[in-house]
Amino acid sequence: MNTDVTQQETAGAPATGWWTEAVIYQIYPRSFADSDGDGIGDLPGITARLDHLAELGVDAVWLSPFYPSPQADAGYDVADYRDVDPLFGRLGDADKMIAEAKARGLRVI
């Protein structure tokens, strides 16, 4: 039996998930918020603005790629899905951003 209420059918209606009613805000890390003044947005910059997103009523942030990349395709040409491109910070910055988002009730996609 499925006990997840976000996946249960109600009176014959198809199952729905949290995303069907969510406000999802896409973030392109390179231009969203620059924390160190180098002109390139980064993960600490995103973390610093999570309160603003929560106040706006955002339920989830959808991050464009921030993985290591040759940057021939705006970061979508990912070279390593298990790390962070130095342009945007470090793996610890990603961990902190995700934890801070969760603390504010924000999901991270």
PDB file of N, CA and C in Angstrom:
ATOM      1  N   MET A   1       0.838  -1.182   0.000  1.00  0.00           N
ATOM      2  CA  MET A   1       0.000   0.000   0.000  1.00  0.00           C
ATOM      3  C   MET A   1       0.878   1.239   0.000  1.00  0.00           C
ATOM      4  N   ASN A   2       0.545   2.175  -0.849  1.00  0.00           N
ATOM      5  CA  ASN A   2       1.282   3.432  -0.936  1.00  0.00           C
ATOM      6  C   ASN A   2       0.789   4.375   0.152  1.00  0.00           C
ATOM      7  N   THR A   3       1.665   4.724   1.097  1.00  0.00           N
ATOM      8  CA  THR A   3       1.276   5.625   2.183  1.00  0.00           C
ATOM      9  C   THR A   3       1.668   7.068   1.910  1.00  0.00           C
ATOM     10  N   ASP A   4       2.320   7.318   0.789  1.00  0.00           N
ATOM     11  CA  ASP A   4       2.699   8.680   0.429  1.00  0.00           C
ATOM     12  C   ASP A   4       1.473   9.396  -0.135  1.00  0.00           C
ATOM     13  N   VAL A   5       0.937  10.364   0.625  1.00  0.00           N
ATOM     14  CA  VAL A   5      -0.294  11.026   0.205  1.00  0.00           C
ATOM     15  C   VAL A   5      -0.129  11.826  -1.079  1.00  0.00           C
ATOM     16  N   THR A   6       1.114  12.149  -1.458  1.00  0.00           N
ATOM     17  CA  THR A   6       1.316  12.875  -2.709  1.00  0.00           C
ATOM     18  C   THR A   6       1.166  11.981  -3.917  1.00  0.00           C
ATOM     19  N   GLN A   7       1.124  10.654  -3.710  1.00  0.00           N
ATOM     20  CA  GLN A   7       1.047   9.724  -4.815  1.00  0.00           C
ATOM     21  C   GLN A   7      -0.257   8.926  -4.858  1.00  0.00           C
ATOM     22  N   GLN A   8      -1.120   9.096  -3.882  1.00  0.00           N
ATOM     23  CA  GLN A   8      -2.337   8.312  -3.829  1.00  0.00           C
ATOM     24  C   GLN A   8      -3.399   8.858  -4.773  1.00  0.00           C
ATOM     25  N   GLU A   9      -4.185   7.951  -5.304  1.00  0.00           N
ATOM     26  CA  GLU A   9      -5.326   8.350  -6.111  1.00  0.00           C
ATOM     27  C   GLU A   9      -6.478   8.713  -5.192  1.00  0.00           C
ATOM     28  N   THR A  10      -7.245   9.719  -5.585  1.00  0.00           N
ATOM     29  CA  THR A  10      -8.389  10.148  -4.805  1.00  0.00           C
ATOM     30  C   THR A  10      -9.631  10.037  -5.665  1.00  0.00           C
ATOM     31  N   ALA A  11     -10.564   9.240  -5.232  1.00  0.00           N
ATOM     32  CA  ALA A  11     -11.856   9.076  -5.915  1.00  0.00           C
ATOM     33  C   ALA A  11     -11.683   8.864  -7.418  1.00  0.00           C
ATOM     34  N   GLY A  12     -10.734   8.007  -7.791  1.00  0.00           N
ATOM     35  CA  GLY A  12     -10.541   7.689  -9.202  1.00  0.00           C
ATOM     36  C   GLY A  12      -9.710   8.705  -9.969  1.00  0.00           C
ATOM     37  N   ALA A  13      -9.351   9.820  -9.327  1.00  0.00           N
ATOM     38  CA  ALA A  13      -8.510  10.814  -9.996  1.00  0.00           C
ATOM     39  C   ALA A  13      -7.068  10.302 -10.030  1.00  0.00           C
ATOM     40  N   PRO A  14      -6.322  10.673 -11.046  1.00  0.00           N
ATOM     41  CA  PRO A  14      -4.938  10.204 -11.123  1.00  0.00           C
ATOM     42  C   PRO A  14      -4.114  10.722  -9.939  1.00  0.00           C
ATOM     43  N   ALA A  15      -3.082   9.967  -9.589  1.00  0.00           N
ATOM     44  CA  ALA A  15      -2.180  10.382  -8.525  1.00  0.00           C
ATOM     45  C   ALA A  15      -1.485  11.686  -8.916  1.00  0.00           C
ATOM     46  N   THR A  16      -1.234  12.504  -7.933  1.00  0.00           N
ATOM     47  CA  THR A  16      -0.525  13.762  -8.163  1.00  0.00           C
ATOM     48  C   THR A  16       0.668  13.827  -7.226  1.00  0.00           C
ATOM     49  N   GLY A  17       1.577  14.673  -7.545  1.00  0.00           N
ATOM     50  CA  GLY A  17       2.752  14.874  -6.714  1.00  0.00           C
ATOM     51  C   GLY A  17       2.823  16.318  -6.258  1.00  0.00           C
ATOM     52  N   TRP A  18       3.738  16.597  -5.365  1.00  0.00           N
ATOM     53  CA  TRP A  18       3.884  17.946  -4.815  1.00  0.00           C
ATOM     54  C   TRP A  18       4.118  18.985  -5.917  1.00  0.00           C
ATOM     55  N   TRP A  19       4.778  18.564  -6.997  1.00  0.00           N
ATOM     56  CA  TRP A  19       5.142  19.471  -8.080  1.00  0.00           C
ATOM     57  C   TRP A  19       3.943  19.977  -8.879  1.00  0.00           C
ATOM     58  N   THR A  20       2.802  19.329  -8.758  1.00  0.00           N
ATOM     59  CA  THR A  20       1.648  19.756  -9.548  1.00  0.00           C
ATOM     60  C   THR A  20       1.077  21.083  -9.075  1.00  0.00           C
ATOM     61  N   GLU A  21       1.348  21.436  -7.834  1.00  0.00           N
ATOM     62  CA  GLU A  21       0.852  22.700  -7.273  1.00  0.00           C
ATOM     63  C   GLU A  21       1.990  23.626  -6.856  1.00  0.00           C
ATOM     64  N   ALA A  22       3.219  23.214  -7.038  1.00  0.00           N
ATOM     65  CA  ALA A  22       4.372  23.948  -6.528  1.00  0.00           C
ATOM     66  C   ALA A  22       4.742  25.148  -7.395  1.00  0.00           C
ATOM     67  N   VAL A  23       5.315  26.143  -6.732  1.00  0.00           N
ATOM     68  CA  VAL A  23       5.954  27.260  -7.413  1.00  0.00           C
ATOM     69  C   VAL A  23       7.430  26.885  -7.509  1.00  0.00           C
ATOM     70  N   ILE A  24       7.891  26.700  -8.738  1.00  0.00           N
ATOM     71  CA  ILE A  24       9.274  26.279  -8.968  1.00  0.00           C
ATOM     72  C   ILE A  24      10.017  27.420  -9.657  1.00  0.00           C
ATOM     73  N   TYR A  25      11.134  27.836  -9.066  1.00  0.00           N
ATOM     74  CA  TYR A  25      11.922  28.967  -9.557  1.00  0.00           C
ATOM     75  C   TYR A  25      13.232  28.433 -10.124  1.00  0.00           C
ATOM     76  N   GLN A  26      13.442  28.652 -11.416  1.00  0.00           N
ATOM     77  CA  GLN A  26      14.680  28.188 -12.024  1.00  0.00           C
ATOM     78  C   GLN A  26      15.793  29.201 -11.789  1.00  0.00           C
ATOM     79  N   ILE A  27      16.945  28.683 -11.427  1.00  0.00           N
ATOM     80  CA  ILE A  27      18.118  29.524 -11.188  1.00  0.00           C
ATOM     81  C   ILE A  27      19.232  29.117 -12.149  1.00  0.00           C
ATOM     82  N   TYR A  28      19.748  30.097 -12.880  1.00  0.00           N
ATOM     83  CA  TYR A  28      20.945  29.914 -13.692  1.00  0.00           C
ATOM     84  C   TYR A  28      22.093  30.444 -12.830  1.00  0.00           C
ATOM     85  N   PRO A  29      22.851  29.556 -12.187  1.00  0.00           N
ATOM     86  CA  PRO A  29      23.834  29.993 -11.199  1.00  0.00           C
ATOM     87  C   PRO A  29      24.799  31.078 -11.675  1.00  0.00           C
ATOM     88  N   ARG A  30      25.215  31.000 -12.918  1.00  0.00           N
ATOM     89  CA  ARG A  30      26.213  31.942 -13.438  1.00  0.00           C
ATOM     90  C   ARG A  30      25.770  33.403 -13.335  1.00  0.00           C
ATOM     91  N   SER A  31      24.480  33.652 -13.393  1.00  0.00           N
ATOM     92  CA  SER A  31      24.026  35.048 -13.386  1.00  0.00           C
ATOM     93  C   SER A  31      23.061  35.388 -12.246  1.00  0.00           C
ATOM     94  N   PHE A  32      22.768  34.451 -11.359  1.00  0.00           N
ATOM     95  CA  PHE A  32      21.777  34.714 -10.310  1.00  0.00           C
ATOM     96  C   PHE A  32      22.306  35.628  -9.217  1.00  0.00           C
ATOM     97  N   ALA A  33      23.415  35.271  -8.592  1.00  0.00           N
ATOM     98  CA  ALA A  33      23.938  36.069  -7.484  1.00  0.00           C
ATOM     99  C   ALA A  33      25.427  35.792  -7.311  1.00  0.00           C
ATOM    100  N   ASP A  34      26.216  36.847  -7.316  1.00  0.00           N
ATOM    101  CA  ASP A  34      27.669  36.763  -7.194  1.00  0.00           C
ATOM    102  C   ASP A  34      28.066  37.114  -5.765  1.00  0.00           C
ATOM    103  N   SER A  35      28.611  36.155  -5.030  1.00  0.00           N
ATOM    104  CA  SER A  35      28.960  36.402  -3.631  1.00  0.00           C
ATOM    105  C   SER A  35      30.363  36.973  -3.435  1.00  0.00           C
ATOM    106  N   ASP A  36      31.242  36.808  -4.424  1.00  0.00           N
ATOM    107  CA  ASP A  36      32.629  37.223  -4.211  1.00  0.00           C
ATOM    108  C   ASP A  36      33.092  38.369  -5.115  1.00  0.00           C
ATOM    109  N   GLY A  37      32.177  38.960  -5.867  1.00  0.00           N
ATOM    110  CA  GLY A  37      32.505  40.137  -6.668  1.00  0.00           C
ATOM    111  C   GLY A  37      33.316  39.889  -7.916  1.00  0.00           C
ATOM    112  N   ASP A  38      33.392  38.639  -8.373  1.00  0.00           N
ATOM    113  CA  ASP A  38      34.171  38.357  -9.583  1.00  0.00           C
ATOM    114  C   ASP A  38      33.337  38.481 -10.857  1.00  0.00           C
ATOM    115  N   GLY A  39      32.059  38.824 -10.704  1.00  0.00           N
ATOM    116  CA  GLY A  39      31.199  38.998 -11.869  1.00  0.00           C
ATOM    117  C   GLY A  39      30.496  37.733 -12.328  1.00  0.00           C
ATOM    118  N   ILE A  40      30.719  36.629 -11.622  1.00  0.00           N
ATOM    119  CA  ILE A  40      30.089  35.356 -11.972  1.00  0.00           C
ATOM    120  C   ILE A  40      29.293  34.872 -10.767  1.00  0.00           C
ATOM    121  N   GLY A  41      28.031  34.557 -10.997  1.00  0.00           N
ATOM    122  CA  GLY A  41      27.198  34.031  -9.923  1.00  0.00           C
ATOM    123  C   GLY A  41      27.757  32.724  -9.400  1.00  0.00           C
ATOM    124  N   ASP A  42      27.418  32.403  -8.153  1.00  0.00           N
ATOM    125  CA  ASP A  42      27.975  31.207  -7.536  1.00  0.00           C
ATOM    126  C   ASP A  42      27.008  30.628  -6.511  1.00  0.00           C
ATOM    127  N   LEU A  43      27.350  29.448  -6.009  1.00  0.00           N
ATOM    128  CA  LEU A  43      26.489  28.766  -5.047  1.00  0.00           C
ATOM    129  C   LEU A  43      26.344  29.534  -3.736  1.00  0.00           C
ATOM    130  N   PRO A  44      27.410  30.123  -3.180  1.00  0.00           N
ATOM    131  CA  PRO A  44      27.199  30.936  -1.981  1.00  0.00           C
ATOM    132  C   PRO A  44      26.260  32.124  -2.228  1.00  0.00           C
ATOM    133  N   GLY A  45      26.276  32.659  -3.428  1.00  0.00           N
ATOM    134  CA  GLY A  45      25.347  33.741  -3.763  1.00  0.00           C
ATOM    135  C   GLY A  45      23.904  33.268  -3.740  1.00  0.00           C
ATOM    136  N   ILE A  46      23.674  32.062  -4.234  1.00  0.00           N
ATOM    137  CA  ILE A  46      22.326  31.484  -4.187  1.00  0.00           C
ATOM    138  C   ILE A  46      21.909  31.279  -2.737  1.00  0.00           C
ATOM    139  N   THR A  47      22.800  30.707  -1.945  1.00  0.00           N
ATOM    140  CA  THR A  47      22.505  30.449  -0.530  1.00  0.00           C
ATOM    141  C   THR A  47      22.115  31.743   0.175  1.00  0.00           C
ATOM    142  N   ALA A  48      22.809  32.820  -0.127  1.00  0.00           N
ATOM    143  CA  ALA A  48      22.543  34.105   0.521  1.00  0.00           C
ATOM    144  C   ALA A  48      21.163  34.666   0.183  1.00  0.00           C
ATOM    145  N   ARG A  49      20.558  34.176  -0.872  1.00  0.00           N
ATOM    146  CA  ARG A  49      19.258  34.719  -1.293  1.00  0.00           C
ATOM    147  C   ARG A  49      18.089  33.756  -1.116  1.00  0.00           C
ATOM    148  N   LEU A  50      18.322  32.664  -0.429  1.00  0.00           N
ATOM    149  CA  LEU A  50      17.245  31.697  -0.217  1.00  0.00           C
ATOM    150  C   LEU A  50      16.089  32.275   0.583  1.00  0.00           C
ATOM    151  N   ASP A  51      16.374  33.148   1.542  1.00  0.00           N
ATOM    152  CA  ASP A  51      15.284  33.771   2.303  1.00  0.00           C
ATOM    153  C   ASP A  51      14.352  34.546   1.386  1.00  0.00           C
ATOM    154  N   HIS A  52      14.914  35.259   0.419  1.00  0.00           N
ATOM    155  CA  HIS A  52      14.095  36.027  -0.527  1.00  0.00           C
ATOM    156  C   HIS A  52      13.169  35.103  -1.310  1.00  0.00           C
ATOM    157  N   LEU A  53      13.708  33.979  -1.766  1.00  0.00           N
ATOM    158  CA  LEU A  53      12.894  33.041  -2.533  1.00  0.00           C
ATOM    159  C   LEU A  53      11.778  32.452  -1.673  1.00  0.00           C
ATOM    160  N   ALA A  54      12.097  32.107  -0.437  1.00  0.00           N
ATOM    161  CA  ALA A  54      11.077  31.571   0.466  1.00  0.00           C
ATOM    162  C   ALA A  54       9.991  32.606   0.728  1.00  0.00           C
ATOM    163  N   GLU A  55      10.387  33.867   0.909  1.00  0.00           N
ATOM    164  CA  GLU A  55       9.408  34.939   1.139  1.00  0.00           C
ATOM    165  C   GLU A  55       8.498  35.160  -0.059  1.00  0.00           C
ATOM    166  N   LEU A  56       8.997  34.880  -1.246  1.00  0.00           N
ATOM    167  CA  LEU A  56       8.194  35.006  -2.461  1.00  0.00           C
ATOM    168  C   LEU A  56       7.176  33.877  -2.609  1.00  0.00           C
ATOM    169  N   GLY A  57       7.314  32.844  -1.783  1.00  0.00           N
ATOM    170  CA  GLY A  57       6.394  31.715  -1.862  1.00  0.00           C
ATOM    171  C   GLY A  57       6.885  30.596  -2.752  1.00  0.00           C
ATOM    172  N   VAL A  58       8.166  30.602  -3.066  1.00  0.00           N
ATOM    173  CA  VAL A  58       8.752  29.545  -3.885  1.00  0.00           C
ATOM    174  C   VAL A  58       8.760  28.252  -3.084  1.00  0.00           C
ATOM    175  N   ASP A  59       8.406  27.155  -3.733  1.00  0.00           N
ATOM    176  CA  ASP A  59       8.414  25.840  -3.096  1.00  0.00           C
ATOM    177  C   ASP A  59       9.675  25.044  -3.420  1.00  0.00           C
ATOM    178  N   ALA A  60      10.261  25.301  -4.595  1.00  0.00           N
ATOM    179  CA  ALA A  60      11.442  24.557  -5.029  1.00  0.00           C
ATOM    180  C   ALA A  60      12.278  25.426  -5.951  1.00  0.00           C
ATOM    181  N   VAL A  61      13.586  25.207  -5.904  1.00  0.00           N
ATOM    182  CA  VAL A  61      14.483  25.857  -6.858  1.00  0.00           C
ATOM    183  C   VAL A  61      15.006  24.788  -7.805  1.00  0.00           C
ATOM    184  N   TRP A  62      14.993  25.117  -9.071  1.00  0.00           N
ATOM    185  CA  TRP A  62      15.478  24.234 -10.122  1.00  0.00           C
ATOM    186  C   TRP A  62      16.785  24.846 -10.610  1.00  0.00           C
ATOM    187  N   LEU A  63      17.887  24.180 -10.323  1.00  0.00           N
ATOM    188  CA  LEU A  63      19.193  24.716 -10.669  1.00  0.00           C
ATOM    189  C   LEU A  63      19.642  24.237 -12.041  1.00  0.00           C
ATOM    190  N   SER A  64      20.052  25.183 -12.861  1.00  0.00           N
ATOM    191  CA  SER A  64      20.730  24.818 -14.100  1.00  0.00           C
ATOM    192  C   SER A  64      22.088  24.237 -13.712  1.00  0.00           C
ATOM    193  N   PRO A  65      22.753  23.531 -14.621  1.00  0.00           N
ATOM    194  CA  PRO A  65      23.989  22.831 -14.256  1.00  0.00           C
ATOM    195  C   PRO A  65      25.054  23.733 -13.629  1.00  0.00           C
ATOM    196  N   PHE A  66      25.665  23.207 -12.565  1.00  0.00           N
ATOM    197  CA  PHE A  66      26.785  23.882 -11.910  1.00  0.00           C
ATOM    198  C   PHE A  66      27.970  22.925 -11.762  1.00  0.00           C
ATOM    199  N   TYR A  67      27.934  21.837 -12.532  1.00  0.00           N
ATOM    200  CA  TYR A  67      28.975  20.817 -12.495  1.00  0.00           C
ATOM    201  C   TYR A  67      30.196  21.267 -13.297  1.00  0.00           C
ATOM    202  N   PRO A  68      31.350  20.621 -13.081  1.00  0.00           N
ATOM    203  CA  PRO A  68      32.509  20.916 -13.923  1.00  0.00           C
ATOM    204  C   PRO A  68      32.143  20.720 -15.397  1.00  0.00           C
ATOM    205  N   SER A  69      32.602  21.649 -16.209  1.00  0.00           N
ATOM    206  CA  SER A  69      32.225  21.654 -17.617  1.00  0.00           C
ATOM    207  C   SER A  69      33.244  22.450 -18.415  1.00  0.00           C
ATOM    208  N   PRO A  70      33.461  22.073 -19.677  1.00  0.00           N
ATOM    209  CA  PRO A  70      34.309  22.908 -20.539  1.00  0.00           C
ATOM    210  C   PRO A  70      33.638  24.240 -20.897  1.00  0.00           C
ATOM    211  N   GLN A  71      32.375  24.393 -20.541  1.00  0.00           N
ATOM    212  CA  GLN A  71      31.597  25.615 -20.785  1.00  0.00           C
ATOM    213  C   GLN A  71      31.440  25.938 -22.268  1.00  0.00           C
ATOM    214  N   ALA A  72      31.414  24.908 -23.111  1.00  0.00           N
ATOM    215  CA  ALA A  72      31.170  25.107 -24.532  1.00  0.00           C
ATOM    216  C   ALA A  72      29.669  25.219 -24.808  1.00  0.00           C
ATOM    217  N   ASP A  73      28.851  24.809 -23.826  1.00  0.00           N
ATOM    218  CA  ASP A  73      27.402  24.815 -23.998  1.00  0.00           C
ATOM    219  C   ASP A  73      26.723  25.355 -22.731  1.00  0.00           C
ATOM    220  N   ALA A  74      27.249  26.466 -22.208  1.00  0.00           N
ATOM    221  CA  ALA A  74      26.695  27.140 -21.033  1.00  0.00           C
ATOM    222  C   ALA A  74      26.570  26.208 -19.826  1.00  0.00           C
ATOM    223  N   GLY A  75      27.464  25.238 -19.705  1.00  0.00           N
ATOM    224  CA  GLY A  75      27.468  24.330 -18.571  1.00  0.00           C
ATOM    225  C   GLY A  75      26.683  23.054 -18.769  1.00  0.00           C
ATOM    226  N   TYR A  76      25.925  22.979 -19.856  1.00  0.00           N
ATOM    227  CA  TYR A  76      25.149  21.764 -20.115  1.00  0.00           C
ATOM    228  C   TYR A  76      26.016  20.630 -20.658  1.00  0.00           C
ATOM    229  N   ASP A  77      27.247  20.929 -21.014  1.00  0.00           N
ATOM    230  CA  ASP A  77      28.196  19.911 -21.458  1.00  0.00           C
ATOM    231  C   ASP A  77      28.979  19.416 -20.232  1.00  0.00           C
ATOM    232  N   VAL A  78      28.279  18.732 -19.356  1.00  0.00           N
ATOM    233  CA  VAL A  78      28.800  18.314 -18.060  1.00  0.00           C
ATOM    234  C   VAL A  78      29.956  17.327 -18.224  1.00  0.00           C
ATOM    235  N   ALA A  79      31.031  17.582 -17.478  1.00  0.00           N
ATOM    236  CA  ALA A  79      32.187  16.692 -17.497  1.00  0.00           C
ATOM    237  C   ALA A  79      32.217  15.763 -16.282  1.00  0.00           C
ATOM    238  N   ASP A  80      31.587  16.183 -15.172  1.00  0.00           N
ATOM    239  CA  ASP A  80      31.602  15.374 -13.954  1.00  0.00           C
ATOM    240  C   ASP A  80      30.364  15.709 -13.122  1.00  0.00           C
ATOM    241  N   TYR A  81      29.435  14.764 -13.040  1.00  0.00           N
ATOM    242  CA  TYR A  81      28.191  14.978 -12.306  1.00  0.00           C
ATOM    243  C   TYR A  81      28.367  14.900 -10.785  1.00  0.00           C
ATOM    244  N   ARG A  82      29.581  14.609 -10.313  1.00  0.00           N
ATOM    245  CA  ARG A  82      29.786  14.420  -8.881  1.00  0.00           C
ATOM    246  C   ARG A  82      30.604  15.528  -8.239  1.00  0.00           C
ATOM    247  N   ASP A  83      30.737  16.657  -8.914  1.00  0.00           N
ATOM    248  CA  ASP A  83      31.548  17.755  -8.376  1.00  0.00           C
ATOM    249  C   ASP A  83      30.924  19.083  -8.787  1.00  0.00           C
ATOM    250  N   VAL A  84      31.530  20.163  -8.354  1.00  0.00           N
ATOM    251  CA  VAL A  84      31.067  21.518  -8.655  1.00  0.00           C
ATOM    252  C   VAL A  84      32.140  22.214  -9.477  1.00  0.00           C
ATOM    253  N   ASP A  85      31.732  22.914 -10.523  1.00  0.00           N
ATOM    254  CA  ASP A  85      32.677  23.688 -11.320  1.00  0.00           C
ATOM    255  C   ASP A  85      33.268  24.782 -10.426  1.00  0.00           C
ATOM    256  N   PRO A  86      34.591  24.942 -10.427  1.00  0.00           N
ATOM    257  CA  PRO A  86      35.212  25.968  -9.582  1.00  0.00           C
ATOM    258  C   PRO A  86      34.675  27.380  -9.832  1.00  0.00           C
ATOM    259  N   LEU A  87      34.099  27.624 -11.011  1.00  0.00           N
ATOM    260  CA  LEU A  87      33.463  28.928 -11.256  1.00  0.00           C
ATOM    261  C   LEU A  87      32.371  29.227 -10.245  1.00  0.00           C
ATOM    262  N   PHE A  88      31.707  28.174  -9.761  1.00  0.00           N
ATOM    263  CA  PHE A  88      30.525  28.344  -8.919  1.00  0.00           C
ATOM    264  C   PHE A  88      30.754  28.014  -7.453  1.00  0.00           C
ATOM    265  N   GLY A  89      31.926  27.514  -7.112  1.00  0.00           N
ATOM    266  CA  GLY A  89      32.210  27.190  -5.727  1.00  0.00           C
ATOM    267  C   GLY A  89      32.771  25.797  -5.583  1.00  0.00           C
ATOM    268  N   ARG A  90      32.499  25.199  -4.417  1.00  0.00           N
ATOM    269  CA  ARG A  90      33.001  23.862  -4.114  1.00  0.00           C
ATOM    270  C   ARG A  90      31.857  22.942  -3.734  1.00  0.00           C
ATOM    271  N   LEU A  91      32.167  21.684  -3.601  1.00  0.00           N
ATOM    272  CA  LEU A  91      31.158  20.702  -3.217  1.00  0.00           C
ATOM    273  C   LEU A  91      30.533  21.070  -1.862  1.00  0.00           C
ATOM    274  N   GLY A  92      31.344  21.563  -0.952  1.00  0.00           N
ATOM    275  CA  GLY A  92      30.827  22.007   0.345  1.00  0.00           C
ATOM    276  C   GLY A  92      29.822  23.135   0.217  1.00  0.00           C
ATOM    277  N   ASP A  93      30.016  24.009  -0.772  1.00  0.00           N
ATOM    278  CA  ASP A  93      29.056  25.095  -1.013  1.00  0.00           C
ATOM    279  C   ASP A  93      27.715  24.534  -1.470  1.00  0.00           C
ATOM    280  N   ALA A  94      27.762  23.483  -2.302  1.00  0.00           N
ATOM    281  CA  ALA A  94      26.519  22.843  -2.755  1.00  0.00           C
ATOM    282  C   ALA A  94      25.822  22.175  -1.583  1.00  0.00           C
ATOM    283  N   ASP A  95      26.584  21.477  -0.740  1.00  0.00           N
ATOM    284  CA  ASP A  95      26.002  20.838   0.447  1.00  0.00           C
ATOM    285  C   ASP A  95      25.330  21.871   1.349  1.00  0.00           C
ATOM    286  N   LYS A  96      25.998  22.994   1.558  1.00  0.00           N
ATOM    287  CA  LYS A  96      25.449  24.049   2.418  1.00  0.00           C
ATOM    288  C   LYS A  96      24.183  24.643   1.809  1.00  0.00           C
ATOM    289  N   MET A  97      24.218  24.916   0.500  1.00  0.00           N
ATOM    290  CA  MET A  97      23.048  25.495  -0.157  1.00  0.00           C
ATOM    291  C   MET A  97      21.849  24.560  -0.040  1.00  0.00           C
ATOM    292  N   ILE A  98      22.069  23.279  -0.255  1.00  0.00           N
ATOM    293  CA  ILE A  98      20.969  22.307  -0.177  1.00  0.00           C
ATOM    294  C   ILE A  98      20.434  22.225   1.250  1.00  0.00           C
ATOM    295  N   ALA A  99      21.324  22.195   2.236  1.00  0.00           N
ATOM    296  CA  ALA A  99      20.886  22.143   3.636  1.00  0.00           C
ATOM    297  C   ALA A  99      20.120  23.400   4.026  1.00  0.00           C
ATOM    298  N   GLU A 100      20.597  24.556   3.593  1.00  0.00           N
ATOM    299  CA  GLU A 100      19.922  25.819   3.910  1.00  0.00           C
ATOM    300  C   GLU A 100      18.560  25.906   3.209  1.00  0.00           C
ATOM    301  N   ALA A 101      18.490  25.405   2.000  1.00  0.00           N
ATOM    302  CA  ALA A 101      17.205  25.380   1.293  1.00  0.00           C
ATOM    303  C   ALA A 101      16.218  24.495   2.049  1.00  0.00           C
ATOM    304  N   LYS A 102      16.673  23.328   2.439  1.00  0.00           N
ATOM    305  CA  LYS A 102      15.805  22.388   3.177  1.00  0.00           C
ATOM    306  C   LYS A 102      15.330  23.022   4.485  1.00  0.00           C
ATOM    307  N   ALA A 103      16.197  23.731   5.163  1.00  0.00           N
ATOM    308  CA  ALA A 103      15.841  24.392   6.420  1.00  0.00           C
ATOM    309  C   ALA A 103      14.737  25.427   6.222  1.00  0.00           C
ATOM    310  N   ARG A 104      14.613  25.945   5.009  1.00  0.00           N
ATOM    311  CA  ARG A 104      13.575  26.937   4.697  1.00  0.00           C
ATOM    312  C   ARG A 104      12.354  26.300   4.029  1.00  0.00           C
ATOM    313  N   GLY A 105      12.358  24.986   3.947  1.00  0.00           N
ATOM    314  CA  GLY A 105      11.242  24.292   3.329  1.00  0.00           C
ATOM    315  C   GLY A 105      11.267  24.298   1.814  1.00  0.00           C
ATOM    316  N   LEU A 106      12.429  24.625   1.237  1.00  0.00           N
ATOM    317  CA  LEU A 106      12.580  24.655  -0.224  1.00  0.00           C
ATOM    318  C   LEU A 106      13.153  23.336  -0.711  1.00  0.00           C
ATOM    319  N   ARG A 107      12.606  22.819  -1.770  1.00  0.00           N
ATOM    320  CA  ARG A 107      13.181  21.644  -2.418  1.00  0.00           C
ATOM    321  C   ARG A 107      14.195  22.125  -3.448  1.00  0.00           C
ATOM    322  N   VAL A 108      15.151  21.264  -3.762  1.00  0.00           N
ATOM    323  CA  VAL A 108      16.181  21.582  -4.751  1.00  0.00           C
ATOM    324  C   VAL A 108      16.122  20.541  -5.854  1.00  0.00           C
ATOM    325  N   ILE A 109      15.961  21.018  -7.067  1.00  0.00           N
ATOM    326  CA  ILE A 109      15.914  20.144  -8.234  1.00  0.00           C
ATOM    327  C   ILE A 109      17.176  20.386  -9.048  1.00  0.00           C
TER     328      ILE A 109
END
